[in-house]
Amino acid sequence: MMPLNYAILKYFTKVEEACADDVINALKDTYGNFKALNKKDVITALMTAEANGLIEETRFELDNNNELKVYYHAHEEGAATINKYIKD
């Protein structure tokens, strides 16, 4: 099993876009017992990946609880970098 942060990055190479909730739902079967698989830590990982140029923000919306949901995607160069260093 790869480290959680690697799995988060790799997930973005397989979807068109996703938010933190999408990442958590997609990875909970495998990483559900990891303390870092929570909204705060996943958002931090996504913001770090964005700051490093691996993913970029695509859109944002308010959910039913008026919480901001930010969506990201791995652009072509970011996905290529992720796939170069993190193998399936």
Protein backbone atom coordinates (compact mmCIF):
# COMPACT_ATOMS: atom_id res chain seq x y z
CA MET A 1 0.00 0.00 0.00
CA MET A 2 1.37 3.40 -0.96
CA PRO A 3 1.51 6.32 1.49
CA LEU A 4 -1.74 8.26 1.82
CA ASN A 5 -0.39 11.45 0.24
CA TYR A 6 0.76 9.45 -2.78
CA ALA A 7 -2.68 7.86 -3.05
CA ILE A 8 -4.30 11.30 -2.92
CA LEU A 9 -2.09 12.56 -5.76
CA LYS A 10 -2.55 9.38 -7.79
CA TYR A 11 -6.34 9.70 -7.43
CA PHE A 12 -6.21 12.98 -9.35
CA THR A 13 -4.64 11.22 -12.33
CA LYS A 14 -7.73 9.01 -12.58
CA VAL A 15 -10.57 11.53 -12.24
CA GLU A 16 -11.56 14.66 -14.12
CA GLU A 17 -11.88 16.71 -10.92
CA ALA A 18 -12.51 16.17 -7.22
CA CYS A 19 -12.87 17.93 -3.89
CA ALA A 20 -11.66 16.81 -0.45
CA ASP A 21 -14.91 14.95 0.23
CA ASP A 22 -14.54 13.03 -3.05
CA VAL A 23 -10.98 12.05 -2.13
CA ILE A 24 -12.04 10.84 1.32
CA ASN A 25 -14.92 8.80 -0.09
CA ALA A 26 -12.72 7.25 -2.79
CA LEU A 27 -9.94 6.26 -0.40
CA LYS A 28 -11.89 5.30 2.73
CA ASP A 29 -12.03 1.58 1.92
CA THR A 30 -8.25 1.32 1.79
CA TYR A 31 -7.15 4.17 4.06
CA GLY A 32 -10.16 4.51 6.37
CA ASN A 33 -8.11 3.66 9.47
CA PHE A 34 -5.52 6.39 8.77
CA LYS A 35 -5.81 9.37 11.13
CA ALA A 36 -4.87 11.74 8.29
CA LEU A 37 -7.85 10.71 6.16
CA ASN A 38 -9.97 13.57 7.43
CA LYS A 39 -11.21 16.72 5.77
CA LYS A 40 -8.69 19.10 7.37
CA ASP A 41 -5.64 17.00 6.49
CA VAL A 42 -6.86 16.17 2.99
CA ILE A 43 -7.48 19.87 2.28
CA THR A 44 -3.95 20.60 3.49
CA ALA A 45 -2.58 17.91 1.16
CA LEU A 46 -4.55 19.34 -1.77
CA MET A 47 -3.38 22.87 -1.09
CA THR A 48 0.21 21.64 -0.88
CA ALA A 49 -0.15 19.78 -4.18
CA GLU A 50 -1.58 22.94 -5.74
CA ALA A 51 1.27 25.07 -4.37
CA ASN A 52 3.73 22.58 -5.88
CA GLY A 53 2.04 22.83 -9.28
CA LEU A 54 0.74 19.25 -9.43
CA ILE A 55 -2.97 20.10 -9.38
CA GLU A 56 -4.98 23.25 -9.95
CA GLU A 57 -8.29 24.63 -8.77
CA THR A 58 -11.14 24.15 -11.25
CA ARG A 59 -14.15 25.53 -9.41
CA PHE A 60 -15.73 26.03 -6.02
CA GLU A 61 -19.22 25.89 -4.55
CA LEU A 62 -21.05 26.00 -1.24
CA ASP A 63 -22.52 22.73 -0.03
CA ASN A 64 -25.84 22.34 1.83
CA ASN A 65 -24.12 23.33 5.10
CA ASN A 66 -22.69 26.51 3.52
CA GLU A 67 -19.19 25.04 3.62
CA LEU A 68 -16.88 25.86 0.74
CA LYS A 69 -15.99 22.91 -1.49
CA VAL A 70 -12.98 23.53 -3.72
CA TYR A 71 -12.52 21.25 -6.73
CA TYR A 72 -9.13 20.47 -8.27
CA HIS A 73 -7.80 18.55 -11.23
CA ALA A 74 -4.39 17.34 -12.31
CA HIS A 75 -3.47 19.23 -15.46
CA GLU A 76 -1.49 17.41 -18.14
CA GLU A 77 1.95 18.34 -16.83
CA GLY A 78 0.97 17.69 -13.21
CA ALA A 79 -0.48 14.29 -14.04
CA ALA A 80 2.67 13.40 -15.98
CA THR A 81 4.85 14.36 -13.02
CA ILE A 82 2.68 12.39 -10.58
CA ASN A 83 2.73 9.33 -12.84
CA LYS A 84 6.49 9.61 -13.35
CA TYR A 85 7.25 9.44 -9.64
CA ILE A 86 4.31 7.42 -8.29
CA LYS A 87 3.77 4.13 -10.07
CA ASP A 88 0.55 2.10 -9.84
